[in-house]
Amino acid sequence: MSTASAPGKIILFGEHAVVYGRPALAVPVTQVQATVTVEAGAEPGVWLEAPDIDLHCFLSAIPADHPLAAAVYHVVAALGVSLPEALKIRIHSTIPVASGLGSGAAVSVALIRALSAFLGQPLPDERVSALAYEVEKIHHGTPSGIDNTVITYARPVYFVKGRPIETFHAGQPFSLVIADTGIPAPTREAVGDVRKLWEAHPEECEKIFDEIGQIADLARQKITSGEWQALGELMDRNHLLLRQLTVSCPALDRLVQAARQAGALGAKLSGGGRGGNMIALIDKENAPAVTEALKSAGARRTIVTQVGEITAG
């Protein structure tokens, strides 16, 4: 038997501006994870058990381009081996699906690790991330590579479109509260609307993108040096800029305000906006007060996570 787990992820800074060549930062969310167990099966074939998505079938019953099937076939091809005659793969995830927390990439990373280990050739992180990226193409078409990288290495990542993704370490751990509005985030629509805004007002939008990029660069410096308290002010400013890009919404603004009033050091939307998640920077001991305030303000669920405590190994 072989078991592997992988964390979720959240975008910290750089949403939308990253599409226009500015940097983005993402960090792992270790309080939620995908876990995959691979063991010998009781009957011929590869049996897939994924109760979270109500999938119970043999590998042969799903298309080759299904993300789970693709992950299996990519591992087999990478190792140059054949699958055992009877195999059982069990998948469980506590990461909410389609929530901007990297559920798909986490399942892929955990599956690739567990299967390669079971087959006697555990893959190094670089290969795990590369194979997970291939599966991400099924989910997203032309993914940035942020999700598979931050999840594989379980470290913060710095990303600029067209450049290799960089991982970096947090000088000191810091705590975030993630709150879900319960509103599905229409990312494609939000990105399209920002594009229209940029086409109509290019100079104003470029200035906003520049400042968001500067915030992301400064945030990386502060995270690396351990000056995490400074991230709060950067979050507040970044949220105002995202509001100017029209990608916030009343529910997100309400949660951001509730977090600040409850003592958060800063707060902003995370991801595409118009719904989805917001994040708040907190002192660890203040987590109960902030999470309670967020729930009272309408958050569907909250997650408290610490960045910088766990690294891949």
C-alpha atoms as a PDB file:
ATOM      1  CA  MET A   1       0.000   0.000   0.000  1.00  0.00           C
ATOM      2  CA  SER A   2       1.139   3.540  -0.741  1.00  0.00           C
ATOM      3  CA  THR A   3      -0.476   6.776   0.460  1.00  0.00           C
ATOM      4  CA  ALA A   4       0.281  10.399  -0.444  1.00  0.00           C
ATOM      5  CA  SER A   5      -1.332  13.737   0.368  1.00  0.00           C
ATOM      6  CA  ALA A   6      -1.195  17.222  -1.151  1.00  0.00           C
ATOM      7  CA  PRO A   7      -2.442  20.584   0.188  1.00  0.00           C
ATOM      8  CA  GLY A   8      -4.748  23.166  -1.331  1.00  0.00           C
ATOM      9  CA  LYS A   9      -3.631  26.633  -2.433  1.00  0.00           C
ATOM     10  CA  ILE A  10      -4.829  30.227  -2.398  1.00  0.00           C
ATOM     11  CA  ILE A  11      -3.843  33.298  -4.440  1.00  0.00           C
ATOM     12  CA  LEU A  12      -2.372  35.901  -2.100  1.00  0.00           C
ATOM     13  CA  PHE A  13      -1.664  38.826  -4.456  1.00  0.00           C
ATOM     14  CA  GLY A  14      -1.740  39.584  -8.163  1.00  0.00           C
ATOM     15  CA  GLU A  15      -5.179  38.489  -9.372  1.00  0.00           C
ATOM     16  CA  HIS A  16      -6.138  39.826 -12.809  1.00  0.00           C
ATOM     17  CA  ALA A  17      -2.960  41.901 -13.142  1.00  0.00           C
ATOM     18  CA  VAL A  18      -1.084  38.617 -13.684  1.00  0.00           C
ATOM     19  CA  VAL A  19      -2.926  38.262 -17.014  1.00  0.00           C
ATOM     20  CA  TYR A  20      -1.193  41.496 -18.112  1.00  0.00           C
ATOM     21  CA  GLY A  21       2.339  40.433 -17.229  1.00  0.00           C
ATOM     22  CA  ARG A  22       2.501  41.473 -13.578  1.00  0.00           C
ATOM     23  CA  PRO A  23       3.577  39.071 -10.797  1.00  0.00           C
ATOM     24  CA  ALA A  24       1.275  36.952  -8.663  1.00  0.00           C
ATOM     25  CA  LEU A  25       1.867  35.166  -5.361  1.00  0.00           C
ATOM     26  CA  ALA A  26       0.179  31.962  -4.206  1.00  0.00           C
ATOM     27  CA  VAL A  27       0.626  30.003  -0.994  1.00  0.00           C
ATOM     28  CA  PRO A  28      -0.255  26.473   0.143  1.00  0.00           C
ATOM     29  CA  VAL A  29      -3.309  25.822   2.300  1.00  0.00           C
ATOM     30  CA  THR A  30      -2.246  22.888   4.428  1.00  0.00           C
ATOM     31  CA  GLN A  31      -5.411  22.688   6.533  1.00  0.00           C
ATOM     32  CA  VAL A  32      -7.217  21.058   3.604  1.00  0.00           C
ATOM     33  CA  GLN A  33      -5.760  18.270   1.508  1.00  0.00           C
ATOM     34  CA  ALA A  34      -6.281  15.519  -1.023  1.00  0.00           C
ATOM     35  CA  THR A  35      -5.204  12.006  -0.015  1.00  0.00           C
ATOM     36  CA  VAL A  36      -4.737   9.054  -2.356  1.00  0.00           C
ATOM     37  CA  THR A  37      -4.114   5.434  -1.375  1.00  0.00           C
ATOM     38  CA  VAL A  38      -2.969   2.813  -3.874  1.00  0.00           C
ATOM     39  CA  GLU A  39      -3.017  -0.902  -3.049  1.00  0.00           C
ATOM     40  CA  ALA A  40      -3.378  -4.297  -4.671  1.00  0.00           C
ATOM     41  CA  GLY A  41      -6.895  -4.937  -5.929  1.00  0.00           C
ATOM     42  CA  ALA A  42      -9.206  -7.867  -5.274  1.00  0.00           C
ATOM     43  CA  GLU A  43     -10.120  -8.416  -8.927  1.00  0.00           C
ATOM     44  CA  PRO A  44      -8.551  -7.720 -12.334  1.00  0.00           C
ATOM     45  CA  GLY A  45      -8.504  -4.091 -13.432  1.00  0.00           C
ATOM     46  CA  VAL A  46      -7.833  -0.696 -11.869  1.00  0.00           C
ATOM     47  CA  TRP A  47     -10.658   0.198  -9.497  1.00  0.00           C
ATOM     48  CA  LEU A  48     -11.194   3.888  -8.738  1.00  0.00           C
ATOM     49  CA  GLU A  49     -12.936   4.885  -5.515  1.00  0.00           C
ATOM     50  CA  ALA A  50     -13.617   8.636  -5.185  1.00  0.00           C
ATOM     51  CA  PRO A  51     -16.699   9.046  -2.964  1.00  0.00           C
ATOM     52  CA  ASP A  52     -16.364  12.849  -2.804  1.00  0.00           C
ATOM     53  CA  ILE A  53     -17.354  13.047  -6.474  1.00  0.00           C
ATOM     54  CA  ASP A  54     -19.474   9.875  -6.405  1.00  0.00           C
ATOM     55  CA  LEU A  55     -17.084   7.967  -8.656  1.00  0.00           C
ATOM     56  CA  HIS A  56     -16.895   4.186  -8.188  1.00  0.00           C
ATOM     57  CA  CYS A  57     -15.746   2.383 -11.319  1.00  0.00           C
ATOM     58  CA  PHE A  58     -12.933   0.690 -13.202  1.00  0.00           C
ATOM     59  CA  LEU A  59     -10.400   2.879 -14.974  1.00  0.00           C
ATOM     60  CA  SER A  60     -11.492   1.363 -18.281  1.00  0.00           C
ATOM     61  CA  ALA A  61     -15.006   2.793 -17.798  1.00  0.00           C
ATOM     62  CA  ILE A  62     -13.931   6.461 -17.954  1.00  0.00           C
ATOM     63  CA  PRO A  63     -12.434   8.376 -20.906  1.00  0.00           C
ATOM     64  CA  ALA A  64      -8.658   8.529 -21.223  1.00  0.00           C
ATOM     65  CA  ASP A  65      -8.855  12.328 -20.934  1.00  0.00           C
ATOM     66  CA  HIS A  66     -10.684  12.214 -17.592  1.00  0.00           C
ATOM     67  CA  PRO A  67      -8.292  13.937 -15.127  1.00  0.00           C
ATOM     68  CA  LEU A  68      -7.983  10.849 -12.913  1.00  0.00           C
ATOM     69  CA  ALA A  69      -7.347   8.554 -15.877  1.00  0.00           C
ATOM     70  CA  ALA A  70      -4.886  11.038 -17.362  1.00  0.00           C
ATOM     71  CA  ALA A  71      -2.910  11.152 -14.107  1.00  0.00           C
ATOM     72  CA  VAL A  72      -2.648   7.358 -14.057  1.00  0.00           C
ATOM     73  CA  TYR A  73      -1.598   7.107 -17.702  1.00  0.00           C
ATOM     74  CA  HIS A  74       0.948   9.917 -17.347  1.00  0.00           C
ATOM     75  CA  VAL A  75       2.617   8.094 -14.446  1.00  0.00           C
ATOM     76  CA  VAL A  76       2.743   4.798 -16.336  1.00  0.00           C
ATOM     77  CA  ALA A  77       4.226   6.510 -19.390  1.00  0.00           C
ATOM     78  CA  ALA A  78       6.765   8.436 -17.321  1.00  0.00           C
ATOM     79  CA  LEU A  79       7.960   5.294 -15.541  1.00  0.00           C
ATOM     80  CA  GLY A  80       7.886   3.094 -18.637  1.00  0.00           C
ATOM     81  CA  VAL A  81       5.998   0.325 -16.826  1.00  0.00           C
ATOM     82  CA  SER A  82       2.696  -1.523 -17.070  1.00  0.00           C
ATOM     83  CA  LEU A  83      -0.058  -1.318 -14.494  1.00  0.00           C
ATOM     84  CA  PRO A  84      -0.444  -4.331 -12.195  1.00  0.00           C
ATOM     85  CA  GLU A  85      -3.233  -6.716 -13.126  1.00  0.00           C
ATOM     86  CA  ALA A  86      -5.332  -5.722 -10.105  1.00  0.00           C
ATOM     87  CA  LEU A  87      -5.124  -2.316  -8.473  1.00  0.00           C
ATOM     88  CA  LYS A  88      -7.315  -0.198  -6.191  1.00  0.00           C
ATOM     89  CA  ILE A  89      -6.997   3.597  -6.013  1.00  0.00           C
ATOM     90  CA  ARG A  90      -8.888   5.452  -3.282  1.00  0.00           C
ATOM     91  CA  ILE A  91      -9.202   9.240  -3.435  1.00  0.00           C
ATOM     92  CA  HIS A  92     -10.457  11.528  -0.692  1.00  0.00           C
ATOM     93  CA  SER A  93     -10.272  15.318  -0.528  1.00  0.00           C
ATOM     94  CA  THR A  94     -11.275  17.905   2.057  1.00  0.00           C
ATOM     95  CA  ILE A  95     -10.626  20.700  -0.478  1.00  0.00           C
ATOM     96  CA  PRO A  96     -13.883  22.247  -1.720  1.00  0.00           C
ATOM     97  CA  VAL A  97     -14.315  21.672  -5.451  1.00  0.00           C
ATOM     98  CA  ALA A  98     -14.325  24.665  -7.842  1.00  0.00           C
ATOM     99  CA  SER A  99     -13.518  27.080  -5.027  1.00  0.00           C
ATOM    100  CA  GLY A 100     -10.162  28.460  -6.130  1.00  0.00           C
ATOM    101  CA  LEU A 101      -8.315  26.245  -3.653  1.00  0.00           C
ATOM    102  CA  GLY A 102      -6.651  23.966  -6.205  1.00  0.00           C
ATOM    103  CA  SER A 103      -8.726  20.838  -5.645  1.00  0.00           C
ATOM    104  CA  GLY A 104      -7.981  19.320  -9.052  1.00  0.00           C
ATOM    105  CA  ALA A 105      -4.232  19.899  -8.890  1.00  0.00           C
ATOM    106  CA  ALA A 106      -4.031  18.530  -5.342  1.00  0.00           C
ATOM    107  CA  VAL A 107      -5.752  15.287  -6.351  1.00  0.00           C
ATOM    108  CA  SER A 108      -3.391  14.952  -9.319  1.00  0.00           C
ATOM    109  CA  VAL A 109      -0.276  15.544  -7.204  1.00  0.00           C
ATOM    110  CA  ALA A 110      -1.369  13.064  -4.524  1.00  0.00           C
ATOM    111  CA  LEU A 111      -2.309  10.434  -7.124  1.00  0.00           C
ATOM    112  CA  ILE A 112       0.942  10.809  -9.060  1.00  0.00           C
ATOM    113  CA  ARG A 113       2.974  10.487  -5.861  1.00  0.00           C
ATOM    114  CA  ALA A 114       1.040   7.531  -4.453  1.00  0.00           C
ATOM    115  CA  LEU A 115       0.988   5.571  -7.710  1.00  0.00           C
ATOM    116  CA  SER A 116       4.647   6.114  -8.586  1.00  0.00           C
ATOM    117  CA  ALA A 117       5.633   5.076  -5.054  1.00  0.00           C
ATOM    118  CA  PHE A 118       3.430   1.951  -5.250  1.00  0.00           C
ATOM    119  CA  LEU A 119       5.087   1.042  -8.556  1.00  0.00           C
ATOM    120  CA  GLY A 120       8.485   1.255  -6.850  1.00  0.00           C
ATOM    121  CA  GLN A 121       9.719   4.420  -8.577  1.00  0.00           C
ATOM    122  CA  PRO A 122       8.689   7.463  -6.523  1.00  0.00           C
ATOM    123  CA  LEU A 123       9.004  10.546  -8.696  1.00  0.00           C
ATOM    124  CA  PRO A 124      10.919  13.675  -7.611  1.00  0.00           C
ATOM    125  CA  ASP A 125       8.965  16.892  -7.048  1.00  0.00           C
ATOM    126  CA  GLU A 126       9.998  18.379 -10.398  1.00  0.00           C
ATOM    127  CA  ARG A 127       8.508  15.428 -12.297  1.00  0.00           C
ATOM    128  CA  VAL A 128       5.402  15.320 -10.081  1.00  0.00           C
ATOM    129  CA  SER A 129       4.732  18.985 -10.803  1.00  0.00           C
ATOM    130  CA  ALA A 130       5.321  18.545 -14.550  1.00  0.00           C
ATOM    131  CA  LEU A 131       2.910  15.606 -14.793  1.00  0.00           C
ATOM    132  CA  ALA A 132       0.293  17.404 -12.694  1.00  0.00           C
ATOM    133  CA  TYR A 133       0.614  20.365 -15.065  1.00  0.00           C
ATOM    134  CA  GLU A 134      -0.276  18.080 -17.975  1.00  0.00           C
ATOM    135  CA  VAL A 135      -3.436  17.037 -16.130  1.00  0.00           C
ATOM    136  CA  GLU A 136      -4.189  20.696 -15.330  1.00  0.00           C
ATOM    137  CA  LYS A 137      -4.471  21.319 -19.073  1.00  0.00           C
ATOM    138  CA  ILE A 138      -7.594  19.149 -19.021  1.00  0.00           C
ATOM    139  CA  HIS A 139      -9.115  21.278 -16.244  1.00  0.00           C
ATOM    140  CA  HIS A 140      -8.107  24.709 -17.524  1.00  0.00           C
ATOM    141  CA  GLY A 141      -6.895  24.523 -21.115  1.00  0.00           C
ATOM    142  CA  THR A 142      -3.902  26.837 -20.719  1.00  0.00           C
ATOM    143  CA  PRO A 143      -3.103  26.827 -16.978  1.00  0.00           C
ATOM    144  CA  SER A 144      -0.532  29.188 -15.502  1.00  0.00           C
ATOM    145  CA  GLY A 145       1.243  26.393 -13.651  1.00  0.00           C
ATOM    146  CA  ILE A 146       0.736  28.120 -10.299  1.00  0.00           C
ATOM    147  CA  ASP A 147      -1.538  25.442  -8.823  1.00  0.00           C
ATOM    148  CA  ASN A 148       0.602  22.378  -9.540  1.00  0.00           C
ATOM    149  CA  THR A 149       3.781  24.175  -8.417  1.00  0.00           C
ATOM    150  CA  VAL A 150       2.607  25.576  -5.082  1.00  0.00           C
ATOM    151  CA  ILE A 151       0.824  22.304  -4.276  1.00  0.00           C
ATOM    152  CA  THR A 152       3.726  20.017  -5.224  1.00  0.00           C
ATOM    153  CA  TYR A 153       6.365  21.968  -3.305  1.00  0.00           C
ATOM    154  CA  ALA A 154       4.010  23.141  -0.518  1.00  0.00           C
ATOM    155  CA  ARG A 155       5.780  26.494  -0.562  1.00  0.00           C
ATOM    156  CA  PRO A 156       4.866  30.012  -1.663  1.00  0.00           C
ATOM    157  CA  VAL A 157       5.334  30.658  -5.374  1.00  0.00           C
ATOM    158  CA  TYR A 158       6.074  33.797  -7.394  1.00  0.00           C
ATOM    159  CA  PHE A 159       4.757  33.805 -10.932  1.00  0.00           C
ATOM    160  CA  VAL A 160       5.136  36.128 -13.904  1.00  0.00           C
ATOM    161  CA  LYS A 161       3.546  35.095 -17.203  1.00  0.00           C
ATOM    162  CA  GLY A 162       6.145  33.741 -19.615  1.00  0.00           C
ATOM    163  CA  ARG A 163       8.817  33.202 -16.958  1.00  0.00           C
ATOM    164  CA  PRO A 164       9.725  30.084 -14.939  1.00  0.00           C
ATOM    165  CA  ILE A 165       7.750  29.874 -11.689  1.00  0.00           C
ATOM    166  CA  GLU A 166       9.855  30.494  -8.581  1.00  0.00           C
ATOM    167  CA  THR A 167       9.280  29.002  -5.134  1.00  0.00           C
ATOM    168  CA  PHE A 168      10.421  30.804  -2.000  1.00  0.00           C
ATOM    169  CA  HIS A 169      10.339  30.408   1.776  1.00  0.00           C
ATOM    170  CA  ALA A 170       8.507  32.392   4.423  1.00  0.00           C
ATOM    171  CA  GLY A 171      10.907  33.899   6.949  1.00  0.00           C
ATOM    172  CA  GLN A 172       8.264  33.491   9.668  1.00  0.00           C
ATOM    173  CA  PRO A 173       4.974  31.588   9.590  1.00  0.00           C
ATOM    174  CA  PHE A 174       1.810  33.663   9.394  1.00  0.00           C
ATOM    175  CA  SER A 175      -1.900  32.938   9.641  1.00  0.00           C
ATOM    176  CA  LEU A 176      -4.739  33.516   7.205  1.00  0.00           C
ATOM    177  CA  VAL A 177      -8.478  33.050   7.396  1.00  0.00           C
ATOM    178  CA  ILE A 178     -10.073  32.033   4.112  1.00  0.00           C
ATOM    179  CA  ALA A 179     -13.811  32.667   3.855  1.00  0.00           C
ATOM    180  CA  ASP A 180     -16.093  31.440   1.093  1.00  0.00           C
ATOM    181  CA  THR A 181     -18.947  33.730   0.038  1.00  0.00           C
ATOM    182  CA  GLY A 182     -20.907  30.709  -1.159  1.00  0.00           C
ATOM    183  CA  ILE A 183     -21.282  32.452  -4.525  1.00  0.00           C
ATOM    184  CA  PRO A 184     -19.710  30.567  -7.459  1.00  0.00           C
ATOM    185  CA  ALA A 185     -16.875  32.696  -8.820  1.00  0.00           C
ATOM    186  CA  PRO A 186     -17.464  33.436 -12.543  1.00  0.00           C
ATOM    187  CA  THR A 187     -13.743  33.741 -13.299  1.00  0.00           C
ATOM    188  CA  ARG A 188     -14.049  33.673 -17.074  1.00  0.00           C
ATOM    189  CA  GLU A 189     -16.687  36.444 -16.984  1.00  0.00           C
ATOM    190  CA  ALA A 190     -14.672  38.575 -14.566  1.00  0.00           C
ATOM    191  CA  VAL A 191     -11.504  38.232 -16.658  1.00  0.00           C
ATOM    192  CA  GLY A 192     -13.498  39.184 -19.764  1.00  0.00           C
ATOM    193  CA  ASP A 193     -14.951  42.253 -18.086  1.00  0.00           C
ATOM    194  CA  VAL A 194     -11.505  43.414 -16.981  1.00  0.00           C
ATOM    195  CA  ARG A 195     -10.353  42.984 -20.569  1.00  0.00           C
ATOM    196  CA  LYS A 196     -13.199  45.229 -21.778  1.00  0.00           C
ATOM    197  CA  LEU A 197     -12.341  47.788 -19.102  1.00  0.00           C
ATOM    198  CA  TRP A 198      -8.696  47.721 -20.166  1.00  0.00           C
ATOM    199  CA  GLU A 199      -9.633  48.168 -23.823  1.00  0.00           C
ATOM    200  CA  ALA A 200     -11.819  51.157 -22.956  1.00  0.00           C
ATOM    201  CA  HIS A 201      -9.426  52.752 -20.441  1.00  0.00           C
ATOM    202  CA  PRO A 202      -5.931  51.334 -21.094  1.00  0.00           C
ATOM    203  CA  GLU A 203      -3.900  54.008 -19.301  1.00  0.00           C
ATOM    204  CA  GLU A 204      -5.946  53.870 -16.092  1.00  0.00           C
ATOM    205  CA  CYS A 205      -5.948  50.066 -16.059  1.00  0.00           C
ATOM    206  CA  GLU A 206      -2.217  49.836 -16.722  1.00  0.00           C
ATOM    207  CA  LYS A 207      -1.588  52.070 -13.706  1.00  0.00           C
ATOM    208  CA  ILE A 208      -3.739  49.764 -11.563  1.00  0.00           C
ATOM    209  CA  PHE A 209      -1.935  46.683 -12.884  1.00  0.00           C
ATOM    210  CA  ASP A 210       1.424  48.343 -12.179  1.00  0.00           C
ATOM    211  CA  GLU A 211       0.481  49.035  -8.577  1.00  0.00           C
ATOM    212  CA  ILE A 212      -0.876  45.508  -8.052  1.00  0.00           C
ATOM    213  CA  GLY A 213       2.421  44.172  -9.436  1.00  0.00           C
ATOM    214  CA  GLN A 214       4.416  46.419  -7.102  1.00  0.00           C
ATOM    215  CA  ILE A 215       2.320  45.160  -4.183  1.00  0.00           C
ATOM    216  CA  ALA A 216       3.060  41.542  -5.132  1.00  0.00           C
ATOM    217  CA  ASP A 217       6.809  42.241  -5.339  1.00  0.00           C
ATOM    218  CA  LEU A 218       6.808  44.027  -1.981  1.00  0.00           C
ATOM    219  CA  ALA A 219       4.732  41.248  -0.424  1.00  0.00           C
ATOM    220  CA  ARG A 220       7.283  38.661  -1.519  1.00  0.00           C
ATOM    221  CA  GLN A 221      10.048  40.693   0.148  1.00  0.00           C
ATOM    222  CA  LYS A 222       8.054  40.989   3.377  1.00  0.00           C
ATOM    223  CA  ILE A 223       7.179  37.272   3.443  1.00  0.00           C
ATOM    224  CA  THR A 224      10.805  36.255   2.827  1.00  0.00           C
ATOM    225  CA  SER A 225      12.144  38.601   5.513  1.00  0.00           C
ATOM    226  CA  GLY A 226       9.543  37.481   8.050  1.00  0.00           C
ATOM    227  CA  GLU A 227       7.816  40.898   8.199  1.00  0.00           C
ATOM    228  CA  TRP A 228       4.422  39.302   7.652  1.00  0.00           C
ATOM    229  CA  GLN A 229       2.492  41.969   9.592  1.00  0.00           C
ATOM    230  CA  ALA A 230       3.190  44.368   6.716  1.00  0.00           C
ATOM    231  CA  LEU A 231       1.052  42.196   4.430  1.00  0.00           C
ATOM    232  CA  GLY A 232      -2.129  43.540   6.021  1.00  0.00           C
ATOM    233  CA  GLU A 233      -1.803  47.045   4.602  1.00  0.00           C
ATOM    234  CA  LEU A 234      -0.833  45.560   1.219  1.00  0.00           C
ATOM    235  CA  MET A 235      -3.967  43.395   1.236  1.00  0.00           C
ATOM    236  CA  ASP A 236      -6.182  46.377   1.995  1.00  0.00           C
ATOM    237  CA  ARG A 237      -4.682  48.381  -0.854  1.00  0.00           C
ATOM    238  CA  ASN A 238      -4.847  45.438  -3.267  1.00  0.00           C
ATOM    239  CA  HIS A 239      -8.543  44.958  -2.505  1.00  0.00           C
ATOM    240  CA  LEU A 240      -9.271  48.617  -3.289  1.00  0.00           C
ATOM    241  CA  LEU A 241      -7.490  48.247  -6.622  1.00  0.00           C
ATOM    242  CA  LEU A 242      -9.483  45.107  -7.441  1.00  0.00           C
ATOM    243  CA  ARG A 243     -12.665  47.015  -6.650  1.00  0.00           C
ATOM    244  CA  GLN A 244     -11.576  49.613  -9.195  1.00  0.00           C
ATOM    245  CA  LEU A 245     -11.307  46.760 -11.703  1.00  0.00           C
ATOM    246  CA  THR A 246     -14.968  45.900 -10.865  1.00  0.00           C
ATOM    247  CA  VAL A 247     -14.202  42.342  -9.717  1.00  0.00           C
ATOM    248  CA  SER A 248     -15.379  42.633  -6.120  1.00  0.00           C
ATOM    249  CA  CYS A 249     -19.024  42.288  -5.113  1.00  0.00           C
ATOM    250  CA  PRO A 250     -21.181  43.228  -2.091  1.00  0.00           C
ATOM    251  CA  ALA A 251     -20.690  39.819  -0.444  1.00  0.00           C
ATOM    252  CA  LEU A 252     -16.896  40.021  -0.727  1.00  0.00           C
ATOM    253  CA  ASP A 253     -16.818  43.637   0.485  1.00  0.00           C
ATOM    254  CA  ARG A 254     -19.026  42.697   3.434  1.00  0.00           C
ATOM    255  CA  LEU A 255     -16.685  39.861   4.472  1.00  0.00           C
ATOM    256  CA  VAL A 256     -13.581  42.014   4.022  1.00  0.00           C
ATOM    257  CA  GLN A 257     -15.094  44.715   6.227  1.00  0.00           C
ATOM    258  CA  ALA A 258     -16.239  42.207   8.859  1.00  0.00           C
ATOM    259  CA  ALA A 259     -12.743  40.704   9.081  1.00  0.00           C
ATOM    260  CA  ARG A 260     -11.116  44.105   9.543  1.00  0.00           C
ATOM    261  CA  GLN A 261     -13.632  45.164  12.194  1.00  0.00           C
ATOM    262  CA  ALA A 262     -12.927  41.909  14.080  1.00  0.00           C
ATOM    263  CA  GLY A 263      -9.221  42.689  14.247  1.00  0.00           C
ATOM    264  CA  ALA A 264      -7.756  41.286  11.025  1.00  0.00           C
ATOM    265  CA  LEU A 265      -4.578  43.099   9.975  1.00  0.00           C
ATOM    266  CA  GLY A 266      -5.828  43.269   6.385  1.00  0.00           C
ATOM    267  CA  ALA A 267      -8.210  41.523   4.002  1.00  0.00           C
ATOM    268  CA  LYS A 268      -8.929  41.178   0.289  1.00  0.00           C
ATOM    269  CA  LEU A 269     -10.734  39.052  -2.240  1.00  0.00           C
ATOM    270  CA  SER A 270      -8.766  36.102  -3.626  1.00  0.00           C
ATOM    271  CA  GLY A 271      -9.013  34.704  -7.133  1.00  0.00           C
ATOM    272  CA  GLY A 272     -11.310  35.808  -9.911  1.00  0.00           C
ATOM    273  CA  GLY A 273     -13.706  37.730  -7.674  1.00  0.00           C
ATOM    274  CA  ARG A 274     -17.446  38.435  -8.052  1.00  0.00           C
ATOM    275  CA  GLY A 275     -17.871  35.626  -5.501  1.00  0.00           C
ATOM    276  CA  GLY A 276     -15.586  32.831  -4.359  1.00  0.00           C
ATOM    277  CA  ASN A 277     -13.152  33.482  -1.528  1.00  0.00           C
ATOM    278  CA  MET A 278     -11.647  36.306   0.460  1.00  0.00           C
ATOM    279  CA  ILE A 279      -8.606  36.106   2.721  1.00  0.00           C
ATOM    280  CA  ALA A 280      -7.722  37.926   5.935  1.00  0.00           C
ATOM    281  CA  LEU A 281      -4.353  38.230   7.663  1.00  0.00           C
ATOM    282  CA  ILE A 282      -4.640  37.602  11.384  1.00  0.00           C
ATOM    283  CA  ASP A 283      -2.714  37.185  14.597  1.00  0.00           C
ATOM    284  CA  LYS A 284      -3.101  33.484  15.341  1.00  0.00           C
ATOM    285  CA  GLU A 285      -4.812  34.075  18.704  1.00  0.00           C
ATOM    286  CA  ASN A 286      -7.436  36.238  17.010  1.00  0.00           C
ATOM    287  CA  ALA A 287      -8.624  33.442  14.697  1.00  0.00           C
ATOM    288  CA  PRO A 288     -11.812  32.587  16.670  1.00  0.00           C
ATOM    289  CA  ALA A 289     -13.041  36.197  16.706  1.00  0.00           C
ATOM    290  CA  VAL A 290     -12.374  36.764  13.010  1.00  0.00           C
ATOM    291  CA  THR A 291     -13.912  33.466  11.889  1.00  0.00           C
ATOM    292  CA  GLU A 292     -17.003  34.124  13.993  1.00  0.00           C
ATOM    293  CA  ALA A 293     -17.354  37.612  12.509  1.00  0.00           C
ATOM    294  CA  LEU A 294     -17.023  36.221   8.995  1.00  0.00           C
ATOM    295  CA  LYS A 295     -19.678  33.577   9.615  1.00  0.00           C
ATOM    296  CA  SER A 296     -22.003  36.227  11.053  1.00  0.00           C
ATOM    297  CA  ALA A 297     -21.404  38.302   7.913  1.00  0.00           C
ATOM    298  CA  GLY A 298     -22.510  35.422   5.691  1.00  0.00           C
ATOM    299  CA  ALA A 299     -19.445  33.269   5.023  1.00  0.00           C
ATOM    300  CA  ARG A 300     -20.449  29.789   3.886  1.00  0.00           C
ATOM    301  CA  ARG A 301     -17.295  28.224   5.319  1.00  0.00           C
ATOM    302  CA  THR A 302     -14.002  29.384   6.812  1.00  0.00           C
ATOM    303  CA  ILE A 303     -10.541  27.836   6.902  1.00  0.00           C
ATOM    304  CA  VAL A 304      -7.716  28.988   9.156  1.00  0.00           C
ATOM    305  CA  THR A 305      -4.328  28.152   7.688  1.00  0.00           C
ATOM    306  CA  GLN A 306      -0.708  28.857   8.542  1.00  0.00           C
ATOM    307  CA  VAL A 307       1.738  29.681   5.785  1.00  0.00           C
ATOM    308  CA  GLY A 308       5.382  28.717   6.171  1.00  0.00           C
ATOM    309  CA  GLU A 309       5.151  25.815   8.598  1.00  0.00           C
ATOM    310  CA  ILE A 310       5.102  22.809   6.268  1.00  0.00           C
ATOM    311  CA  THR A 311       7.431  22.083   3.368  1.00  0.00           C
ATOM    312  CA  ALA A 312       7.391  19.182   0.937  1.00  0.00           C
ATOM    313  CA  GLY A 313       9.782  16.375   1.665  1.00  0.00           C
END
